[in-house]
C-alpha atoms as a PDB file:
ATOM      1  CA  MET A   1      68.255   3.553 -42.875  1.00  0.00           C
ATOM      2  CA  ASN A   2      67.195   6.244 -45.243  1.00  0.00           C
ATOM      3  CA  ARG A   3      64.627   8.809 -44.390  1.00  0.00           C
ATOM      4  CA  SER A   4      61.981   7.503 -46.816  1.00  0.00           C
ATOM      5  CA  LEU A   5      61.963   4.073 -45.177  1.00  0.00           C
ATOM      6  CA  ILE A   6      61.604   5.565 -41.712  1.00  0.00           C
ATOM      7  CA  LEU A   7      58.696   7.717 -42.816  1.00  0.00           C
ATOM      8  CA  GLY A   8      57.043   4.680 -44.436  1.00  0.00           C
ATOM      9  CA  LEU A   9      57.332   2.583 -41.272  1.00  0.00           C
ATOM     10  CA  LEU A  10      55.987   5.452 -39.171  1.00  0.00           C
ATOM     11  CA  ALA A  11      53.007   5.825 -41.479  1.00  0.00           C
ATOM     12  CA  LEU A  12      52.347   2.076 -41.251  1.00  0.00           C
ATOM     13  CA  VAL A  13      52.389   2.192 -37.443  1.00  0.00           C
ATOM     14  CA  ILE A  14      50.027   5.141 -37.404  1.00  0.00           C
ATOM     15  CA  LEU A  15      47.710   3.307 -39.793  1.00  0.00           C
ATOM     16  CA  CYS A  16      47.661   0.212 -37.581  1.00  0.00           C
ATOM     17  CA  VAL A  17      46.896   2.285 -34.503  1.00  0.00           C
ATOM     18  CA  LEU A  18      44.078   4.011 -36.306  1.00  0.00           C
ATOM     19  CA  CYS A  19      42.659   0.668 -37.449  1.00  0.00           C
ATOM     20  CA  LEU A  20      42.747  -0.709 -33.920  1.00  0.00           C
ATOM     21  CA  TRP A  21      41.172   2.460 -32.554  1.00  0.00           C
ATOM     22  CA  CYS A  22      38.357   2.281 -35.094  1.00  0.00           C
ATOM     23  CA  ARG A  23      37.914  -1.423 -34.486  1.00  0.00           C
ATOM     24  CA  ALA A  24      37.855  -1.176 -30.687  1.00  0.00           C
ATOM     25  CA  PRO A  25      34.094  -0.402 -30.299  1.00  0.00           C
ATOM     26  CA  ALA A  26      33.153  -3.344 -32.490  1.00  0.00           C
ATOM     27  CA  ILE A  27      35.406  -5.651 -30.498  1.00  0.00           C
ATOM     28  CA  GLU A  28      33.948  -4.421 -27.205  1.00  0.00           C
ATOM     29  CA  ASP A  29      30.380  -4.936 -28.489  1.00  0.00           C
ATOM     30  CA  ASP A  30      31.266  -8.456 -29.581  1.00  0.00           C
ATOM     31  CA  LEU A  31      32.766  -9.287 -26.195  1.00  0.00           C
ATOM     32  CA  ARG A  32      29.763  -7.770 -24.408  1.00  0.00           C
ATOM     33  CA  GLY A  33      27.379  -9.896 -26.461  1.00  0.00           C
ATOM     34  CA  LYS A  34      29.267 -13.102 -25.682  1.00  0.00           C
ATOM     35  CA  ALA A  35      29.520 -12.187 -21.987  1.00  0.00           C
ATOM     36  CA  LEU A  36      25.800 -11.456 -21.877  1.00  0.00           C
ATOM     37  CA  ILE A  37      25.091 -14.958 -23.140  1.00  0.00           C
ATOM     38  CA  CYS A  38      27.061 -16.312 -20.180  1.00  0.00           C
ATOM     39  CA  VAL A  39      25.133 -14.137 -17.716  1.00  0.00           C
ATOM     40  CA  GLU A  40      21.685 -14.991 -19.016  1.00  0.00           C
ATOM     41  CA  GLY A  41      22.581 -18.656 -19.471  1.00  0.00           C
ATOM     42  CA  ALA A  42      23.342 -18.893 -15.760  1.00  0.00           C
ATOM     43  CA  GLY A  43      20.012 -17.305 -14.876  1.00  0.00           C
ATOM     44  CA  ALA A  44      21.519 -14.044 -13.611  1.00  0.00           C
ATOM     45  CA  ASP A  45      20.250 -10.559 -14.352  1.00  0.00           C
ATOM     46  CA  ALA A  46      21.901  -8.787 -17.311  1.00  0.00           C
ATOM     47  CA  GLY A  47      22.378  -5.721 -15.094  1.00  0.00           C
ATOM     48  CA  VAL A  48      25.288  -7.384 -13.274  1.00  0.00           C
ATOM     49  CA  LEU A  49      27.476  -7.108 -16.416  1.00  0.00           C
ATOM     50  CA  ALA A  50      29.709  -4.162 -17.353  1.00  0.00           C
ATOM     51  CA  VAL A  51      32.272  -4.327 -20.200  1.00  0.00           C
ATOM     52  CA  SER A  52      35.066  -1.779 -20.732  1.00  0.00           C
ATOM     53  CA  GLY A  53      37.324  -2.655 -23.616  1.00  0.00           C
ATOM     54  CA  ARG A  54      38.446  -6.181 -22.891  1.00  0.00           C
ATOM     55  CA  ASP A  55      37.828  -5.917 -19.158  1.00  0.00           C
ATOM     56  CA  VAL A  56      34.632  -7.241 -17.616  1.00  0.00           C
ATOM     57  CA  THR A  57      33.218  -6.276 -14.241  1.00  0.00           C
ATOM     58  CA  LEU A  58      30.497  -8.291 -12.530  1.00  0.00           C
ATOM     59  CA  GLU A  59      28.699  -6.307  -9.875  1.00  0.00           C
ATOM     60  CA  GLY A  60      25.278  -6.894  -8.346  1.00  0.00           C
ATOM     61  CA  ALA A  61      23.405  -9.752  -6.727  1.00  0.00           C
ATOM     62  CA  VAL A  62      22.963 -13.376  -7.730  1.00  0.00           C
ATOM     63  CA  ALA A  63      21.006 -16.130  -6.046  1.00  0.00           C
ATOM     64  CA  SER A  64      23.953 -18.422  -5.160  1.00  0.00           C
ATOM     65  CA  GLN A  65      27.726 -18.823  -5.195  1.00  0.00           C
ATOM     66  CA  ALA A  66      27.361 -21.455  -7.900  1.00  0.00           C
ATOM     67  CA  VAL A  67      25.660 -18.954 -10.202  1.00  0.00           C
ATOM     68  CA  GLY A  68      28.397 -16.363  -9.616  1.00  0.00           C
ATOM     69  CA  ASP A  69      31.191 -18.875 -10.254  1.00  0.00           C
ATOM     70  CA  SER A  70      29.469 -20.162 -13.379  1.00  0.00           C
ATOM     71  CA  VAL A  71      29.156 -16.666 -14.849  1.00  0.00           C
ATOM     72  CA  GLU A  72      32.791 -15.802 -14.067  1.00  0.00           C
ATOM     73  CA  ALA A  73      34.164 -19.041 -15.550  1.00  0.00           C
ATOM     74  CA  CYS A  74      32.080 -18.699 -18.712  1.00  0.00           C
ATOM     75  CA  ILE A  75      33.204 -15.104 -19.356  1.00  0.00           C
ATOM     76  CA  ALA A  76      36.854 -15.831 -18.556  1.00  0.00           C
ATOM     77  CA  ALA A  77      36.851 -18.516 -21.279  1.00  0.00           C
ATOM     78  CA  ILE A  78      35.794 -16.016 -23.973  1.00  0.00           C
ATOM     79  CA  ARG A  79      38.656 -15.331 -26.361  1.00  0.00           C
ATOM     80  CA  GLY A  80      39.678 -11.682 -26.151  1.00  0.00           C
ATOM     81  CA  ILE A  81      38.619 -11.128 -22.510  1.00  0.00           C
ATOM     82  CA  ARG A  82      41.578  -9.877 -20.487  1.00  0.00           C
ATOM     83  CA  VAL A  83      40.268  -9.426 -16.930  1.00  0.00           C
ATOM     84  CA  VAL A  84      37.104 -10.522 -15.095  1.00  0.00           C
ATOM     85  CA  ASN A  85      36.455  -8.564 -11.897  1.00  0.00           C
ATOM     86  CA  ASN A  86      33.936 -10.596  -9.902  1.00  0.00           C
ATOM     87  CA  ASN A  87      32.247  -8.365  -7.308  1.00  0.00           C
ATOM     88  CA  LEU A  88      28.987 -10.279  -7.208  1.00  0.00           C
ATOM     89  CA  GLN A  89      27.044 -10.478  -3.943  1.00  0.00           C
ATOM     90  CA  ILE A  90      25.201 -13.643  -2.976  1.00  0.00           C
ATOM     91  CA  VAL A  91      21.609 -12.958  -2.009  1.00  0.00           C
ATOM     92  CA  ALA A  92      19.436 -15.999  -1.428  1.00  0.00           C
ATOM     93  CA  ALA A  93      16.055 -15.807  -3.103  1.00  0.00           C
ATOM     94  CA  VAL A  94      13.319 -14.917  -0.664  1.00  0.00           C
ATOM     95  CA  LYS A  95      10.500 -17.404  -0.770  1.00  0.00           C
ATOM     96  CA  GLN A  96       7.193 -15.727  -1.266  1.00  0.00           C
ATOM     97  CA  PRO A  97       4.666 -16.743   1.373  1.00  0.00           C
ATOM     98  CA  ILE A  98       1.952 -18.986   0.049  1.00  0.00           C
ATOM     99  CA  ALA A  99      -1.336 -17.175   0.225  1.00  0.00           C
ATOM    100  CA  PRO A 100      -3.863 -19.161   2.222  1.00  0.00           C
ATOM    101  CA  GLU A 101      -6.725 -20.582   0.263  1.00  0.00           C
ATOM    102  CA  PRO A 102      -9.910 -18.601   0.743  1.00  0.00           C
ATOM    103  CA  ALA A 103     -12.104 -20.092   3.383  1.00  0.00           C
ATOM    104  CA  ILE A 104     -15.172 -21.836   2.055  1.00  0.00           C
ATOM    105  CA  ILE A 105     -18.165 -20.414   3.806  1.00  0.00           C
ATOM    106  CA  ASP A 106     -21.224 -22.567   3.743  1.00  0.00           C
ATOM    107  CA  THR A 107     -24.257 -20.407   3.180  1.00  0.00           C
ATOM    108  CA  PRO A 108     -27.013 -21.788   5.370  1.00  0.00           C
ATOM    109  CA  GLN A 109     -30.089 -22.877   3.473  1.00  0.00           C
ATOM    110  CA  VAL A 110     -32.931 -20.453   3.890  1.00  0.00           C
ATOM    111  CA  ASN A 111     -35.636 -21.900   6.116  1.00  0.00           C
ATOM    112  CA  LEU A 112     -38.976 -20.673   4.857  1.00  0.00           C
ATOM    113  CA  ASP A 113     -40.584 -21.559   8.182  1.00  0.00           C
ATOM    114  CA  ASP A 114     -38.200 -19.185   9.973  1.00  0.00           C
ATOM    115  CA  LEU A 115     -38.990 -16.383   7.541  1.00  0.00           C
ATOM    116  CA  LEU A 116     -42.721 -16.821   8.042  1.00  0.00           C
ATOM    117  CA  ALA A 117     -42.550 -17.184  11.821  1.00  0.00           C
ATOM    118  CA  GLY A 118     -44.605 -14.505  13.535  1.00  0.00           C
ATOM    119  CA  LYS A 119     -46.606 -13.657  10.404  1.00  0.00           C
ATOM    120  CA  VAL A 120     -50.148 -13.944  11.764  1.00  0.00           C
ATOM    121  CA  VAL A 121     -53.380 -12.632  10.287  1.00  0.00           C
ATOM    122  CA  GLU A 122     -56.143 -11.839  12.799  1.00  0.00           C
ATOM    123  CA  PHE A 123     -59.895 -11.696  12.106  1.00  0.00           C
ATOM    124  CA  ALA A 124     -62.937 -10.013  13.604  1.00  0.00           C
ATOM    125  CA  THR A 125     -65.563 -12.104  15.387  1.00  0.00           C
ATOM    126  CA  ASP A 126     -67.436 -14.486  13.062  1.00  0.00           C
ATOM    127  CA  SER A 127     -65.650 -13.046  10.008  1.00  0.00           C
ATOM    128  CA  SER A 128     -63.215 -14.115   7.311  1.00  0.00           C
ATOM    129  CA  ASP A 129     -62.763 -10.624   5.854  1.00  0.00           C
ATOM    130  CA  LEU A 130     -59.260  -9.149   5.612  1.00  0.00           C
ATOM    131  CA  ASN A 131     -58.787  -5.731   7.178  1.00  0.00           C
ATOM    132  CA  ALA A 132     -55.998  -3.291   6.374  1.00  0.00           C
ATOM    133  CA  GLN A 133     -53.657  -4.748   8.980  1.00  0.00           C
ATOM    134  CA  ALA A 134     -54.228  -8.256   7.668  1.00  0.00           C
ATOM    135  CA  ARG A 135     -53.480  -7.188   4.100  1.00  0.00           C
ATOM    136  CA  SER A 136     -50.264  -5.519   5.257  1.00  0.00           C
ATOM    137  CA  VAL A 137     -49.101  -8.785   6.832  1.00  0.00           C
ATOM    138  CA  LEU A 138     -50.050 -10.717   3.710  1.00  0.00           C
ATOM    139  CA  ASP A 139     -48.079  -8.322   1.515  1.00  0.00           C
ATOM    140  CA  GLU A 140     -45.017  -9.201   3.590  1.00  0.00           C
ATOM    141  CA  VAL A 141     -45.765 -12.917   3.244  1.00  0.00           C
ATOM    142  CA  ALA A 142     -46.109 -12.522  -0.523  1.00  0.00           C
ATOM    143  CA  ALA A 143     -42.740 -10.755  -0.723  1.00  0.00           C
ATOM    144  CA  ILE A 144     -41.070 -13.553   1.257  1.00  0.00           C
ATOM    145  CA  MET A 145     -42.552 -16.234  -0.966  1.00  0.00           C
ATOM    146  CA  LYS A 146     -41.537 -14.436  -4.148  1.00  0.00           C
ATOM    147  CA  ALA A 147     -37.947 -14.301  -2.919  1.00  0.00           C
ATOM    148  CA  ASN A 148     -37.779 -17.888  -1.632  1.00  0.00           C
ATOM    149  CA  PRO A 149     -38.872 -21.230  -3.085  1.00  0.00           C
ATOM    150  CA  GLY A 150     -41.146 -23.671  -1.310  1.00  0.00           C
ATOM    151  CA  ARG A 151     -44.766 -24.519  -0.635  1.00  0.00           C
ATOM    152  CA  VAL A 152     -46.765 -23.083   2.244  1.00  0.00           C
ATOM    153  CA  GLN A 153     -49.785 -24.297   4.143  1.00  0.00           C
ATOM    154  CA  ILE A 154     -52.196 -21.670   5.447  1.00  0.00           C
ATOM    155  CA  GLU A 155     -53.823 -22.781   8.688  1.00  0.00           C
ATOM    156  CA  GLY A 156     -56.991 -21.097   9.946  1.00  0.00           C
ATOM    157  CA  PHE A 157     -58.267 -21.028  13.542  1.00  0.00           C
ATOM    158  CA  ALA A 158     -61.254 -19.767  15.526  1.00  0.00           C
ATOM    159  CA  ASP A 159     -62.163 -18.929  19.096  1.00  0.00           C
ATOM    160  CA  SER A 160     -64.564 -21.156  21.076  1.00  0.00           C
ATOM    161  CA  ARG A 161     -67.762 -19.089  20.982  1.00  0.00           C
ATOM    162  CA  GLN A 162     -69.494 -21.288  18.404  1.00  0.00           C
ATOM    163  CA  THR A 163     -69.822 -25.003  17.944  1.00  0.00           C
ATOM    164  CA  GLN A 164     -66.798 -26.973  16.848  1.00  0.00           C
ATOM    165  CA  GLU A 165     -68.485 -27.803  13.516  1.00  0.00           C
ATOM    166  CA  TYR A 166     -69.170 -24.142  12.793  1.00  0.00           C
ATOM    167  CA  ASN A 167     -65.675 -23.094  13.906  1.00  0.00           C
ATOM    168  CA  VAL A 168     -64.041 -25.604  11.548  1.00  0.00           C
ATOM    169  CA  TRP A 169     -66.076 -24.181   8.659  1.00  0.00           C
ATOM    170  CA  LEU A 170     -65.225 -20.601   9.687  1.00  0.00           C
ATOM    171  CA  SER A 171     -61.492 -21.333  10.090  1.00  0.00           C
ATOM    172  CA  ARG A 172     -61.437 -22.921   6.624  1.00  0.00           C
ATOM    173  CA  ARG A 173     -63.049 -19.796   5.170  1.00  0.00           C
ATOM    174  CA  ARG A 174     -60.383 -17.676   6.868  1.00  0.00           C
ATOM    175  CA  ALA A 175     -57.534 -19.789   5.484  1.00  0.00           C
ATOM    176  CA  GLU A 176     -59.105 -19.732   2.021  1.00  0.00           C
ATOM    177  CA  SER A 177     -59.546 -15.967   2.175  1.00  0.00           C
ATOM    178  CA  VAL A 178     -55.829 -15.628   2.875  1.00  0.00           C
ATOM    179  CA  ARG A 179     -54.958 -18.033   0.052  1.00  0.00           C
ATOM    180  CA  ARG A 180     -56.999 -16.086  -2.494  1.00  0.00           C
ATOM    181  CA  TYR A 181     -55.333 -12.825  -1.491  1.00  0.00           C
ATOM    182  CA  LEU A 182     -51.825 -14.282  -1.922  1.00  0.00           C
ATOM    183  CA  VAL A 183     -52.723 -15.689  -5.330  1.00  0.00           C
ATOM    184  CA  ALA A 184     -54.002 -12.244  -6.311  1.00  0.00           C
ATOM    185  CA  GLN A 185     -50.573 -10.871  -5.293  1.00  0.00           C
ATOM    186  CA  GLY A 186     -48.855 -13.151  -7.794  1.00  0.00           C
ATOM    187  CA  ILE A 187     -48.101 -16.266  -5.759  1.00  0.00           C
ATOM    188  CA  ASP A 188     -48.583 -19.494  -7.743  1.00  0.00           C
ATOM    189  CA  ALA A 189     -51.680 -21.253  -6.432  1.00  0.00           C
ATOM    190  CA  GLY A 190     -49.807 -24.548  -6.618  1.00  0.00           C
ATOM    191  CA  ARG A 191     -47.526 -23.358  -3.830  1.00  0.00           C
ATOM    192  CA  LEU A 192     -50.407 -22.821  -1.408  1.00  0.00           C
ATOM    193  CA  THR A 193     -52.722 -25.127   0.492  1.00  0.00           C
ATOM    194  CA  SER A 194     -55.255 -24.192   3.151  1.00  0.00           C
ATOM    195  CA  VAL A 195     -56.779 -25.982   6.102  1.00  0.00           C
ATOM    196  CA  GLY A 196     -59.069 -25.078   9.003  1.00  0.00           C
ATOM    197  CA  HIS A 197     -58.531 -26.352  12.561  1.00  0.00           C
ATOM    198  CA  GLY A 198     -61.493 -24.699  14.247  1.00  0.00           C
ATOM    199  CA  GLU A 199     -60.979 -24.010  17.961  1.00  0.00           C
ATOM    200  CA  THR A 200     -58.716 -27.005  18.602  1.00  0.00           C
ATOM    201  CA  GLU A 201     -55.348 -25.206  18.842  1.00  0.00           C
ATOM    202  CA  PRO A 202     -55.776 -22.004  20.887  1.00  0.00           C
ATOM    203  CA  ILE A 203     -52.698 -19.928  21.664  1.00  0.00           C
ATOM    204  CA  ALA A 204     -54.463 -17.934  24.410  1.00  0.00           C
ATOM    205  CA  SER A 205     -57.341 -18.356  26.840  1.00  0.00           C
ATOM    206  CA  ASN A 206     -60.823 -18.191  25.331  1.00  0.00           C
ATOM    207  CA  ASN A 207     -62.096 -16.821  28.630  1.00  0.00           C
ATOM    208  CA  THR A 208     -61.032 -13.259  27.767  1.00  0.00           C
ATOM    209  CA  ALA A 209     -61.756 -10.980  24.818  1.00  0.00           C
ATOM    210  CA  GLU A 210     -58.023 -10.534  24.242  1.00  0.00           C
ATOM    211  CA  GLY A 211     -57.460 -14.286  24.190  1.00  0.00           C
ATOM    212  CA  GLN A 212     -60.329 -14.828  21.802  1.00  0.00           C
ATOM    213  CA  GLN A 213     -58.858 -12.190  19.466  1.00  0.00           C
ATOM    214  CA  ASP A 214     -55.494 -13.991  19.465  1.00  0.00           C
ATOM    215  CA  ASN A 215     -57.207 -17.267  18.603  1.00  0.00           C
ATOM    216  CA  ARG A 216     -59.087 -15.863  15.586  1.00  0.00           C
ATOM    217  CA  ARG A 217     -56.139 -16.138  13.267  1.00  0.00           C
ATOM    218  CA  ALA A 218     -54.368 -17.640  10.262  1.00  0.00           C
ATOM    219  CA  GLU A 219     -50.771 -18.871  10.365  1.00  0.00           C
ATOM    220  CA  PHE A 220     -48.223 -20.004   7.748  1.00  0.00           C
ATOM    221  CA  HIS A 221     -46.118 -23.151   7.756  1.00  0.00           C
ATOM    222  CA  ALA A 222     -43.673 -24.316   5.097  1.00  0.00           C
ATOM    223  CA  LEU A 223     -44.343 -27.765   3.695  1.00  0.00           C
ATOM    224  CA  LYS A 224     -41.485 -30.246   3.436  1.00  0.00           C
ATOM    225  CA  GLU A 225     -40.803 -31.280  -0.125  1.00  0.00           C
ATOM    226  CA  ASN A 226     -40.627 -35.009  -0.846  1.00  0.00           C
END
């Protein structure tokens, strides 16, 4: 074999090696892309895949043995893959605890009667005038009624030092005096009614000055809506 032929063959070999060397990255990228399709198609994370030349290494965690076997078989069937190193670990998916549904808390309906309990306006003897203390109580009643719906009946009372007929008239004047004040504070007149009971419902003895003072009063009671 002459020298020229040998040199020609050597040049051809070198050229082929160079072509393969230049082509190697493109081949590896192609194999990686096909292998990645296998990984993602099985529902595994792409991070488990590593490609070096024509060798593939699978390393990481998958949810089941079936997923790992599926990925390995799919990659091994790719033309051009030489070796598949399967180092996958099987880690069962942890079920997330189901958050309990928020408890439904029933908000109790506001009872206007409860809010007005203890709100009592007292009067001087034989009078329906409102003093400073009475107006202070009525300001509180007005605030409660503005914040809560409902109708209220104002009930007036008297001590027993006059006749029953007179005491009924006086107790009505007291209840009406209270009603007018609340209306002046912005309460709708349609939400208020007034009535006088005279001396018929004492809450203390009329035999003492203190008892008589307790009985000269006006109280508030919520009316039930039909």
